[in-house]
Amino acid sequence: MTRNKRLGKKLRLAKRIKQSRWAPFWTVPKIYGKTRRVHPGRHTRVKRNWRKTRTKA
C-alpha cells in the first residue's frame, strides 16, 4: 500500500473500522434485561479483524 492514501479509500477503511467495533454497553440491558451479563461484542453486525479477513476497500 502506498504511503499516502486517497481520500475515498481512507473513508471506506474508516467505515470498516466502525463496523467492527463493539456495540455500546447500554445495549446489553436493553436487549436482555438488567441481570443478564453478555459481552457487547455480540451485538455488532460485522466482526472483522485486519489479520483474518481482507476488505475490498
Protein backbone atom coordinates (compact mmCIF):
# COMPACT_ATOMS: atom_id res chain seq x y z
CA MET A 1 0.00 0.00 0.00
CA THR A 2 1.23 3.47 -0.71
CA ARG A 3 2.35 5.83 2.00
CA ASN A 4 -0.33 8.41 1.19
CA LYS A 5 -3.87 7.08 0.80
CA ARG A 6 -6.54 8.62 -1.40
CA LEU A 7 -9.44 10.23 0.44
CA GLY A 8 -12.03 7.77 -0.89
CA LYS A 9 -10.02 4.79 0.25
CA LYS A 10 -9.50 6.34 3.67
CA LEU A 11 -13.23 6.89 4.07
CA ARG A 12 -14.01 3.30 3.08
CA LEU A 13 -11.44 1.95 5.54
CA ALA A 14 -12.81 4.18 8.30
CA LYS A 15 -16.29 2.79 7.68
CA ARG A 16 -14.95 -0.77 8.02
CA ILE A 17 -13.29 0.11 11.34
CA LYS A 18 -16.56 1.49 12.71
CA GLN A 19 -18.43 -1.65 11.65
CA SER A 20 -16.14 -3.99 13.57
CA ARG A 21 -16.27 -2.10 16.89
CA TRP A 22 -18.23 -3.32 19.88
CA ALA A 23 -21.81 -2.23 20.35
CA PRO A 24 -22.49 0.34 23.11
CA PHE A 25 -22.59 -1.11 26.62
CA TRP A 26 -26.19 0.02 27.21
CA THR A 27 -27.49 -2.34 24.50
CA VAL A 28 -26.97 -5.34 26.80
CA PRO A 29 -29.56 -4.45 29.48
CA LYS A 30 -31.87 -3.09 26.78
CA ILE A 31 -31.95 -6.43 24.94
CA TYR A 32 -31.57 -8.97 27.77
CA GLY A 33 -32.68 -7.13 30.93
CA LYS A 34 -30.68 -5.87 33.90
CA THR A 35 -29.44 -9.18 35.29
CA ARG A 36 -28.08 -10.88 32.17
CA ARG A 37 -24.37 -10.34 31.55
CA VAL A 38 -23.39 -10.59 27.91
CA HIS A 39 -20.43 -9.15 26.06
CA PRO A 40 -21.40 -6.15 23.89
CA GLY A 41 -19.31 -7.56 21.04
CA ARG A 42 -22.18 -9.94 20.33
CA HIS A 43 -24.36 -7.15 19.02
CA THR A 44 -22.07 -5.91 16.27
CA ARG A 45 -23.18 -6.63 12.72
CA VAL A 46 -19.78 -7.24 11.14
CA LYS A 47 -16.99 -8.94 13.07
CA ARG A 48 -13.80 -8.47 11.14
CA ASN A 49 -10.12 -8.43 12.05
CA TRP A 50 -7.38 -6.88 9.92
CA ARG A 51 -5.30 -10.05 10.12
CA LYS A 52 -8.02 -12.59 9.36
CA THR A 53 -10.29 -11.03 6.75
CA ARG A 54 -9.42 -8.67 3.92
CA THR A 55 -11.69 -5.92 2.63
CA LYS A 56 -12.18 -4.75 -0.93
CA ALA A 57 -11.57 -1.12 0.07
